[in-house]
Amino acid sequence: IVGIPLLILVGILYLIFVIMAALRANNGIYWKYPLSIEFIK
């Protein structure tokens, strides 16, 4: 009951973050994805 709506929500958030990153990259701004884990610094 919880899994499918959560999967849909994550997919929508992913698309929004990709669009935001593309717009900022087009302006020459580095954009870090929210809630991402940096393994290598």
C-alpha atoms as a PDB file:
ATOM      1  CA  ILE A   1       0.000   0.000   0.000  1.00  0.00           C
ATOM      2  CA  VAL A   2       2.864   2.385   0.769  1.00  0.00           C
ATOM      3  CA  GLY A   3       5.420   1.174  -1.768  1.00  0.00           C
ATOM      4  CA  ILE A   4       3.786   2.138  -5.055  1.00  0.00           C
ATOM      5  CA  PRO A   5       2.893   5.760  -4.124  1.00  0.00           C
ATOM      6  CA  LEU A   6       6.369   6.180  -2.646  1.00  0.00           C
ATOM      7  CA  LEU A   7       7.929   4.887  -5.867  1.00  0.00           C
ATOM      8  CA  ILE A   8       5.858   7.336  -7.903  1.00  0.00           C
ATOM      9  CA  LEU A   9       6.847  10.205  -5.594  1.00  0.00           C
ATOM     10  CA  VAL A  10      10.551   9.356  -5.868  1.00  0.00           C
ATOM     11  CA  GLY A  11      10.265   9.233  -9.663  1.00  0.00           C
ATOM     12  CA  ILE A  12       8.613  12.654  -9.794  1.00  0.00           C
ATOM     13  CA  LEU A  13      11.235  14.147  -7.457  1.00  0.00           C
ATOM     14  CA  TYR A  14      13.997  12.642  -9.603  1.00  0.00           C
ATOM     15  CA  LEU A  15      12.588  14.314 -12.722  1.00  0.00           C
ATOM     16  CA  ILE A  16      12.308  17.656 -10.924  1.00  0.00           C
ATOM     17  CA  PHE A  17      15.905  17.439  -9.670  1.00  0.00           C
ATOM     18  CA  VAL A  18      17.215  16.536 -13.144  1.00  0.00           C
ATOM     19  CA  ILE A  19      15.428  19.525 -14.675  1.00  0.00           C
ATOM     20  CA  MET A  20      16.735  21.853 -11.953  1.00  0.00           C
ATOM     21  CA  ALA A  21      20.289  20.568 -12.416  1.00  0.00           C
ATOM     22  CA  ALA A  22      20.070  20.987 -16.197  1.00  0.00           C
ATOM     23  CA  LEU A  23      18.857  24.575 -15.883  1.00  0.00           C
ATOM     24  CA  ARG A  24      21.632  25.460 -13.458  1.00  0.00           C
ATOM     25  CA  ALA A  25      24.284  23.717 -15.556  1.00  0.00           C
ATOM     26  CA  ASN A  26      23.098  25.719 -18.551  1.00  0.00           C
ATOM     27  CA  ASN A  27      23.853  28.878 -16.545  1.00  0.00           C
ATOM     28  CA  GLY A  28      27.284  27.553 -15.546  1.00  0.00           C
ATOM     29  CA  ILE A  29      26.354  26.904 -11.915  1.00  0.00           C
ATOM     30  CA  TYR A  30      27.383  23.681 -10.176  1.00  0.00           C
ATOM     31  CA  TRP A  31      24.393  22.113  -8.430  1.00  0.00           C
ATOM     32  CA  LYS A  32      24.604  19.325  -5.878  1.00  0.00           C
ATOM     33  CA  TYR A  33      21.665  16.950  -5.713  1.00  0.00           C
ATOM     34  CA  PRO A  34      19.828  17.188  -2.385  1.00  0.00           C
ATOM     35  CA  LEU A  35      19.962  14.158  -0.096  1.00  0.00           C
ATOM     36  CA  SER A  36      22.936  12.751  -1.997  1.00  0.00           C
ATOM     37  CA  ILE A  37      25.864  11.075  -0.249  1.00  0.00           C
ATOM     38  CA  GLU A  38      29.372  12.180  -1.203  1.00  0.00           C
ATOM     39  CA  PHE A  39      31.564   9.090  -1.244  1.00  0.00           C
ATOM     40  CA  ILE A  40      34.635  10.810  -2.709  1.00  0.00           C
ATOM     41  CA  LYS A  41      35.596  14.377  -1.876  1.00  0.00           C
END
